[in-house]
PDB file of all heavy atoms in Angstrom:
ATOM      1  N   SER A   1      24.159  -2.861   3.708  1.00  0.00           N
ATOM      2  CA  SER A   1      25.043  -1.700   3.879  1.00  0.00           C
ATOM      3  C   SER A   1      25.230  -1.313   5.342  1.00  0.00           C
ATOM      4  O   SER A   1      26.195  -0.642   5.684  1.00  0.00           O
ATOM      5  CB  SER A   1      24.523  -0.514   3.069  1.00  0.00           C
ATOM      6  OG  SER A   1      23.294  -0.056   3.580  1.00  0.00           O
ATOM      7  N   ARG A   2      24.337  -1.752   6.214  1.00  0.00           N
ATOM      8  CA  ARG A   2      24.507  -1.497   7.650  1.00  0.00           C
ATOM      9  C   ARG A   2      25.610  -2.356   8.260  1.00  0.00           C
ATOM     10  O   ARG A   2      26.126  -2.039   9.320  1.00  0.00           O
ATOM     11  CB  ARG A   2      23.202  -1.763   8.394  1.00  0.00           C
ATOM     12  CG  ARG A   2      22.144  -0.735   8.149  1.00  0.00           C
ATOM     13  CD  ARG A   2      20.933  -1.009   9.003  1.00  0.00           C
ATOM     14  NE  ARG A   2      19.764  -0.835   8.142  1.00  0.00           N
ATOM     15  CZ  ARG A   2      18.620  -1.469   8.270  1.00  0.00           C
ATOM     16  NH1 ARG A   2      18.459  -2.346   9.232  1.00  0.00           N
ATOM     17  NH2 ARG A   2      17.636  -1.226   7.448  1.00  0.00           N
ATOM     18  N   HIS A   3      25.939  -3.447   7.592  1.00  0.00           N
ATOM     19  CA  HIS A   3      26.877  -4.415   8.155  1.00  0.00           C
ATOM     20  C   HIS A   3      28.159  -4.593   7.354  1.00  0.00           C
ATOM     21  O   HIS A   3      29.133  -5.125   7.881  1.00  0.00           O
ATOM     22  CB  HIS A   3      26.182  -5.780   8.289  1.00  0.00           C
ATOM     23  CG  HIS A   3      24.937  -5.718   9.122  1.00  0.00           C
ATOM     24  ND1 HIS A   3      24.966  -5.658  10.494  1.00  0.00           N
ATOM     25  CD2 HIS A   3      23.630  -5.666   8.766  1.00  0.00           C
ATOM     26  CE1 HIS A   3      23.718  -5.586  10.952  1.00  0.00           C
ATOM     27  NE2 HIS A   3      22.898  -5.588   9.924  1.00  0.00           N
ATOM     28  N   VAL A   4      28.142  -4.189   6.101  1.00  0.00           N
ATOM     29  CA  VAL A   4      29.284  -4.395   5.227  1.00  0.00           C
ATOM     30  C   VAL A   4      29.557  -3.104   4.460  1.00  0.00           C
ATOM     31  O   VAL A   4      28.641  -2.487   3.941  1.00  0.00           O
ATOM     32  CB  VAL A   4      29.005  -5.538   4.212  1.00  0.00           C
ATOM     33  CG1 VAL A   4      30.177  -5.723   3.276  1.00  0.00           C
ATOM     34  CG2 VAL A   4      28.675  -6.826   4.934  1.00  0.00           C
ATOM     35  N   ASP A   5      30.820  -2.723   4.402  1.00  0.00           N
ATOM     36  CA  ASP A   5      31.199  -1.525   3.656  1.00  0.00           C
ATOM     37  C   ASP A   5      31.507  -1.928   2.217  1.00  0.00           C
ATOM     38  O   ASP A   5      32.631  -2.316   1.897  1.00  0.00           O
ATOM     39  CB  ASP A   5      32.412  -0.857   4.306  1.00  0.00           C
ATOM     40  CG  ASP A   5      32.762   0.456   3.647  1.00  0.00           C
ATOM     41  OD1 ASP A   5      31.882   1.060   3.003  1.00  0.00           O
ATOM     42  OD2 ASP A   5      33.926   0.875   3.767  1.00  0.00           O
ATOM     43  N   ILE A   6      30.477  -1.877   1.371  1.00  0.00           N
ATOM     44  CA  ILE A   6      30.632  -2.249  -0.035  1.00  0.00           C
ATOM     45  C   ILE A   6      29.894  -1.203  -0.871  1.00  0.00           C
ATOM     46  O   ILE A   6      28.754  -0.852  -0.551  1.00  0.00           O
ATOM     47  CB  ILE A   6      30.090  -3.675  -0.301  1.00  0.00           C
ATOM     48  CG1 ILE A   6      30.327  -4.097  -1.749  1.00  0.00           C
ATOM     49  CG2 ILE A   6      28.660  -3.814   0.078  1.00  0.00           C
ATOM     50  CD1 ILE A   6      30.018  -5.552  -2.016  1.00  0.00           C
ATOM     51  N   PRO A   7      30.521  -0.696  -1.905  1.00  0.00           N
ATOM     52  CA  PRO A   7      29.848   0.288  -2.752  1.00  0.00           C
ATOM     53  C   PRO A   7      28.576  -0.289  -3.387  1.00  0.00           C
ATOM     54  O   PRO A   7      28.535  -1.477  -3.744  1.00  0.00           O
ATOM     55  CB  PRO A   7      30.886   0.621  -3.824  1.00  0.00           C
ATOM     56  CG  PRO A   7      32.201   0.245  -3.223  1.00  0.00           C
ATOM     57  CD  PRO A   7      31.906  -0.917  -2.316  1.00  0.00           C
ATOM     58  N   THR A   8      27.583   0.542  -3.516  1.00  0.00           N
ATOM     59  CA  THR A   8      26.290   0.100  -4.053  1.00  0.00           C
ATOM     60  C   THR A   8      26.431  -0.511  -5.439  1.00  0.00           C
ATOM     61  O   THR A   8      25.803  -1.531  -5.733  1.00  0.00           O
ATOM     62  CB  THR A   8      25.293   1.274  -4.094  1.00  0.00           C
ATOM     63  OG1 THR A   8      25.148   1.794  -2.778  1.00  0.00           O
ATOM     64  CG2 THR A   8      23.934   0.839  -4.596  1.00  0.00           C
ATOM     65  N   HIS A   9      27.246   0.081  -6.289  1.00  0.00           N
ATOM     66  CA  HIS A   9      27.369  -0.443  -7.658  1.00  0.00           C
ATOM     67  C   HIS A   9      27.979  -1.844  -7.674  1.00  0.00           C
ATOM     68  O   HIS A   9      27.638  -2.666  -8.521  1.00  0.00           O
ATOM     69  CB  HIS A   9      28.146   0.524  -8.556  1.00  0.00           C
ATOM     70  CG  HIS A   9      29.608   0.613  -8.266  1.00  0.00           C
ATOM     71  ND1 HIS A   9      30.126   1.367  -7.235  1.00  0.00           N
ATOM     72  CD2 HIS A   9      30.666   0.014  -8.862  1.00  0.00           C
ATOM     73  CE1 HIS A   9      31.438   1.239  -7.220  1.00  0.00           C
ATOM     74  NE2 HIS A   9      31.797   0.431  -8.193  1.00  0.00           N
ATOM     75  N   ILE A  10      28.848  -2.146  -6.723  1.00  0.00           N
ATOM     76  CA  ILE A  10      29.422  -3.496  -6.652  1.00  0.00           C
ATOM     77  C   ILE A  10      28.384  -4.484  -6.140  1.00  0.00           C
ATOM     78  O   ILE A  10      28.246  -5.598  -6.655  1.00  0.00           O
ATOM     79  CB  ILE A  10      30.700  -3.516  -5.793  1.00  0.00           C
ATOM     80  CG1 ILE A  10      31.794  -2.728  -6.499  1.00  0.00           C
ATOM     81  CG2 ILE A  10      31.148  -4.954  -5.502  1.00  0.00           C
ATOM     82  CD1 ILE A  10      33.072  -2.597  -5.708  1.00  0.00           C
ATOM     83  N   LEU A  11      27.642  -4.090  -5.121  1.00  0.00           N
ATOM     84  CA  LEU A  11      26.577  -4.961  -4.610  1.00  0.00           C
ATOM     85  C   LEU A  11      25.536  -5.236  -5.697  1.00  0.00           C
ATOM     86  O   LEU A  11      25.133  -6.383  -5.895  1.00  0.00           O
ATOM     87  CB  LEU A  11      25.913  -4.332  -3.380  1.00  0.00           C
ATOM     88  CG  LEU A  11      24.767  -5.124  -2.756  1.00  0.00           C
ATOM     89  CD1 LEU A  11      25.230  -6.523  -2.343  1.00  0.00           C
ATOM     90  CD2 LEU A  11      24.206  -4.379  -1.565  1.00  0.00           C
ATOM     91  N   ASN A  12      25.137  -4.202  -6.431  1.00  0.00           N
ATOM     92  CA  ASN A  12      24.180  -4.382  -7.528  1.00  0.00           C
ATOM     93  C   ASN A  12      24.718  -5.342  -8.581  1.00  0.00           C
ATOM     94  O   ASN A  12      23.985  -6.209  -9.076  1.00  0.00           O
ATOM     95  CB  ASN A  12      23.846  -3.043  -8.178  1.00  0.00           C
ATOM     96  CG  ASN A  12      23.014  -2.158  -7.290  1.00  0.00           C
ATOM     97  OD1 ASN A  12      22.385  -2.609  -6.340  1.00  0.00           O
ATOM     98  ND2 ASN A  12      23.015  -0.880  -7.588  1.00  0.00           N
ATOM     99  N   ALA A  13      25.990  -5.198  -8.917  1.00  0.00           N
ATOM    100  CA  ALA A  13      26.606  -6.080  -9.917  1.00  0.00           C
ATOM    101  C   ALA A  13      26.623  -7.528  -9.430  1.00  0.00           C
ATOM    102  O   ALA A  13      26.357  -8.448 -10.211  1.00  0.00           O
ATOM    103  CB  ALA A  13      28.021  -5.604 -10.231  1.00  0.00           C
ATOM    104  N   ARG A  14      26.928  -7.720  -8.164  1.00  0.00           N
ATOM    105  CA  ARG A  14      26.959  -9.089  -7.616  1.00  0.00           C
ATOM    106  C   ARG A  14      25.561  -9.707  -7.583  1.00  0.00           C
ATOM    107  O   ARG A  14      25.394 -10.900  -7.873  1.00  0.00           O
ATOM    108  CB  ARG A  14      27.568  -9.096  -6.224  1.00  0.00           C
ATOM    109  CG  ARG A  14      29.064  -8.886  -6.259  1.00  0.00           C
ATOM    110  CD  ARG A  14      29.666  -9.031  -4.904  1.00  0.00           C
ATOM    111  NE  ARG A  14      31.099  -8.760  -4.947  1.00  0.00           N
ATOM    112  CZ  ARG A  14      31.848  -8.663  -3.881  1.00  0.00           C
ATOM    113  NH1 ARG A  14      31.330  -8.830  -2.675  1.00  0.00           N
ATOM    114  NH2 ARG A  14      33.136  -8.405  -3.995  1.00  0.00           N
ATOM    115  N   LEU A  15      24.572  -8.910  -7.221  1.00  0.00           N
ATOM    116  CA  LEU A  15      23.192  -9.414  -7.226  1.00  0.00           C
ATOM    117  C   LEU A  15      22.776  -9.832  -8.633  1.00  0.00           C
ATOM    118  O   LEU A  15      22.217 -10.911  -8.834  1.00  0.00           O
ATOM    119  CB  LEU A  15      22.230  -8.351  -6.689  1.00  0.00           C
ATOM    120  CG  LEU A  15      22.217  -8.123  -5.188  1.00  0.00           C
ATOM    121  CD1 LEU A  15      21.409  -6.881  -4.842  1.00  0.00           C
ATOM    122  CD2 LEU A  15      21.657  -9.339  -4.472  1.00  0.00           C
ATOM    123  N   LEU A  16      23.038  -8.966  -9.607  1.00  0.00           N
ATOM    124  CA  LEU A  16      22.669  -9.260 -10.992  1.00  0.00           C
ATOM    125  C   LEU A  16      23.412 -10.486 -11.512  1.00  0.00           C
ATOM    126  O   LEU A  16      22.818 -11.365 -12.139  1.00  0.00           O
ATOM    127  CB  LEU A  16      22.946  -8.052 -11.879  1.00  0.00           C
ATOM    128  CG  LEU A  16      22.541  -8.181 -13.342  1.00  0.00           C
ATOM    129  CD1 LEU A  16      21.039  -8.453 -13.462  1.00  0.00           C
ATOM    130  CD2 LEU A  16      22.916  -6.921 -14.103  1.00  0.00           C
ATOM    131  N   GLU A  17      24.689 -10.558 -11.229  1.00  0.00           N
ATOM    132  CA  GLU A  17      25.497 -11.709 -11.653  1.00  0.00           C
ATOM    133  C   GLU A  17      24.945 -13.010 -11.060  1.00  0.00           C
ATOM    134  O   GLU A  17      24.814 -14.024 -11.748  1.00  0.00           O
ATOM    135  CB  GLU A  17      26.944 -11.507 -11.206  1.00  0.00           C
ATOM    136  CG  GLU A  17      27.856 -12.681 -11.490  1.00  0.00           C
ATOM    137  CD  GLU A  17      29.236 -12.517 -10.852  1.00  0.00           C
ATOM    138  OE1 GLU A  17      29.496 -11.494 -10.189  1.00  0.00           O
ATOM    139  OE2 GLU A  17      30.049 -13.432 -11.017  1.00  0.00           O
ATOM    140  N   THR A  18      24.598 -12.967  -9.785  1.00  0.00           N
ATOM    141  CA  THR A  18      24.075 -14.164  -9.115  1.00  0.00           C
ATOM    142  C   THR A  18      22.714 -14.562  -9.686  1.00  0.00           C
ATOM    143  O   THR A  18      22.466 -15.746  -9.934  1.00  0.00           O
ATOM    144  CB  THR A  18      23.958 -13.915  -7.600  1.00  0.00           C
ATOM    145  OG1 THR A  18      25.243 -13.542  -7.101  1.00  0.00           O
ATOM    146  CG2 THR A  18      23.476 -15.158  -6.869  1.00  0.00           C
ATOM    147  N   GLU A  19      21.838 -13.587  -9.911  1.00  0.00           N
ATOM    148  CA  GLU A  19      20.537 -13.891 -10.505  1.00  0.00           C
ATOM    149  C   GLU A  19      20.697 -14.522 -11.878  1.00  0.00           C
ATOM    150  O   GLU A  19      19.991 -15.479 -12.214  1.00  0.00           O
ATOM    151  CB  GLU A  19      19.691 -12.627 -10.625  1.00  0.00           C
ATOM    152  CG  GLU A  19      19.049 -12.187  -9.330  1.00  0.00           C
ATOM    153  CD  GLU A  19      18.110 -11.030  -9.552  1.00  0.00           C
ATOM    154  OE1 GLU A  19      16.954 -11.274  -9.965  1.00  0.00           O
ATOM    155  OE2 GLU A  19      18.536  -9.883  -9.326  1.00  0.00           O
ATOM    156  N   ARG A  20      21.595 -13.985 -12.681  1.00  0.00           N
ATOM    157  CA  ARG A  20      21.799 -14.524 -14.032  1.00  0.00           C
ATOM    158  C   ARG A  20      22.320 -15.952 -13.988  1.00  0.00           C
ATOM    159  O   ARG A  20      21.934 -16.778 -14.803  1.00  0.00           O
ATOM    160  CB  ARG A  20      22.745 -13.633 -14.820  1.00  0.00           C
ATOM    161  CG  ARG A  20      22.082 -12.354 -15.258  1.00  0.00           C
ATOM    162  CD  ARG A  20      23.007 -11.485 -16.058  1.00  0.00           C
ATOM    163  NE  ARG A  20      22.292 -10.311 -16.543  1.00  0.00           N
ATOM    164  CZ  ARG A  20      22.875  -9.249 -17.032  1.00  0.00           C
ATOM    165  NH1 ARG A  20      24.200  -9.182 -17.111  1.00  0.00           N
ATOM    166  NH2 ARG A  20      22.160  -8.228 -17.454  1.00  0.00           N
ATOM    167  N   LYS A  21      23.213 -16.243 -13.054  1.00  0.00           N
ATOM    168  CA  LYS A  21      23.721 -17.612 -12.926  1.00  0.00           C
ATOM    169  C   LYS A  21      22.616 -18.560 -12.468  1.00  0.00           C
ATOM    170  O   LYS A  21      22.519 -19.692 -12.934  1.00  0.00           O
ATOM    171  CB  LYS A  21      24.878 -17.656 -11.926  1.00  0.00           C
ATOM    172  CG  LYS A  21      26.163 -17.113 -12.473  1.00  0.00           C
ATOM    173  CD  LYS A  21      27.271 -17.222 -11.421  1.00  0.00           C
ATOM    174  CE  LYS A  21      28.559 -16.613 -11.928  1.00  0.00           C
ATOM    175  NZ  LYS A  21      29.612 -16.630 -10.891  1.00  0.00           N
ATOM    176  N   ASN A  22      21.791 -18.102 -11.535  1.00  0.00           N
ATOM    177  CA  ASN A  22      20.761 -18.964 -10.953  1.00  0.00           C
ATOM    178  C   ASN A  22      19.541 -19.163 -11.842  1.00  0.00           C
ATOM    179  O   ASN A  22      18.793 -20.116 -11.646  1.00  0.00           O
ATOM    180  CB  ASN A  22      20.311 -18.411  -9.601  1.00  0.00           C
ATOM    181  CG  ASN A  22      21.344 -18.616  -8.531  1.00  0.00           C
ATOM    182  OD1 ASN A  22      22.255 -19.418  -8.668  1.00  0.00           O
ATOM    183  ND2 ASN A  22      21.213 -17.879  -7.440  1.00  0.00           N
ATOM    184  N   ILE A  23      19.328 -18.287 -12.806  1.00  0.00           N
ATOM    185  CA  ILE A  23      18.111 -18.384 -13.615  1.00  0.00           C
ATOM    186  C   ILE A  23      18.067 -19.684 -14.419  1.00  0.00           C
ATOM    187  O   ILE A  23      17.001 -20.239 -14.652  1.00  0.00           O
ATOM    188  CB  ILE A  23      17.926 -17.146 -14.518  1.00  0.00           C
ATOM    189  CG1 ILE A  23      16.461 -16.981 -14.872  1.00  0.00           C
ATOM    190  CG2 ILE A  23      18.802 -17.206 -15.755  1.00  0.00           C
ATOM    191  CD1 ILE A  23      16.100 -15.607 -15.368  1.00  0.00           C
ATOM    192  N   THR A  24      19.239 -20.201 -14.797  1.00  0.00           N
ATOM    193  CA  THR A  24      19.250 -21.471 -15.533  1.00  0.00           C
ATOM    194  C   THR A  24      18.859 -22.644 -14.635  1.00  0.00           C
ATOM    195  O   THR A  24      18.329 -23.643 -15.114  1.00  0.00           O
ATOM    196  CB  THR A  24      20.636 -21.747 -16.158  1.00  0.00           C
ATOM    197  OG1 THR A  24      21.613 -21.769 -15.125  1.00  0.00           O
ATOM    198  CG2 THR A  24      20.993 -20.694 -17.189  1.00  0.00           C
ATOM    199  N   THR A  25      19.096 -22.518 -13.334  1.00  0.00           N
ATOM    200  CA  THR A  25      18.754 -23.582 -12.389  1.00  0.00           C
ATOM    201  C   THR A  25      17.339 -23.436 -11.850  1.00  0.00           C
ATOM    202  O   THR A  25      16.576 -24.394 -11.812  1.00  0.00           O
ATOM    203  CB  THR A  25      19.744 -23.587 -11.201  1.00  0.00           C
ATOM    204  OG1 THR A  25      21.063 -23.728 -11.707  1.00  0.00           O
ATOM    205  CG2 THR A  25      19.438 -24.723 -10.235  1.00  0.00           C
ATOM    206  N   TYR A  26      16.981 -22.225 -11.419  1.00  0.00           N
ATOM    207  CA  TYR A  26      15.715 -22.003 -10.722  1.00  0.00           C
ATOM    208  C   TYR A  26      14.636 -21.366 -11.584  1.00  0.00           C
ATOM    209  O   TYR A  26      13.483 -21.321 -11.188  1.00  0.00           O
ATOM    210  CB  TYR A  26      15.935 -21.118  -9.494  1.00  0.00           C
ATOM    211  CG  TYR A  26      16.966 -21.664  -8.539  1.00  0.00           C
ATOM    212  CD1 TYR A  26      18.109 -20.947  -8.233  1.00  0.00           C
ATOM    213  CD2 TYR A  26      16.799 -22.907  -7.946  1.00  0.00           C
ATOM    214  CE1 TYR A  26      19.062 -21.445  -7.356  1.00  0.00           C
ATOM    215  CE2 TYR A  26      17.743 -23.418  -7.076  1.00  0.00           C
ATOM    216  CZ  TYR A  26      18.869 -22.674  -6.783  1.00  0.00           C
ATOM    217  OH  TYR A  26      19.810 -23.175  -5.920  1.00  0.00           O
ATOM    218  N   GLY A  27      15.003 -20.817 -12.736  1.00  0.00           N
ATOM    219  CA  GLY A  27      14.037 -20.136 -13.580  1.00  0.00           C
ATOM    220  C   GLY A  27      13.750 -18.733 -13.062  1.00  0.00           C
ATOM    221  O   GLY A  27      14.324 -18.291 -12.071  1.00  0.00           O
ATOM    222  N   TYR A  28      12.857 -18.050 -13.763  1.00  0.00           N
ATOM    223  CA  TYR A  28      12.486 -16.692 -13.378  1.00  0.00           C
ATOM    224  C   TYR A  28      11.330 -16.763 -12.394  1.00  0.00           C
ATOM    225  O   TYR A  28      10.340 -17.430 -12.638  1.00  0.00           O
ATOM    226  CB  TYR A  28      12.077 -15.876 -14.605  1.00  0.00           C
ATOM    227  CG  TYR A  28      11.668 -14.473 -14.258  1.00  0.00           C
ATOM    228  CD1 TYR A  28      12.625 -13.495 -14.061  1.00  0.00           C
ATOM    229  CD2 TYR A  28      10.338 -14.130 -14.100  1.00  0.00           C
ATOM    230  CE1 TYR A  28      12.270 -12.204 -13.729  1.00  0.00           C
ATOM    231  CE2 TYR A  28       9.969 -12.840 -13.769  1.00  0.00           C
ATOM    232  CZ  TYR A  28      10.937 -11.886 -13.581  1.00  0.00           C
ATOM    233  OH  TYR A  28      10.582 -10.611 -13.247  1.00  0.00           O
TER     234      TYR A  28
END
C-alpha cells in the first residue's frame, strides 16, 4: 500500500485467488 494505490479488499481478493490457484501446485 506504500507503493500502489489499490483498495485493501481487492488486494485481499488477489492474494486469496493466487493462493487457491497455487495450492494445487505447491500444497499447503
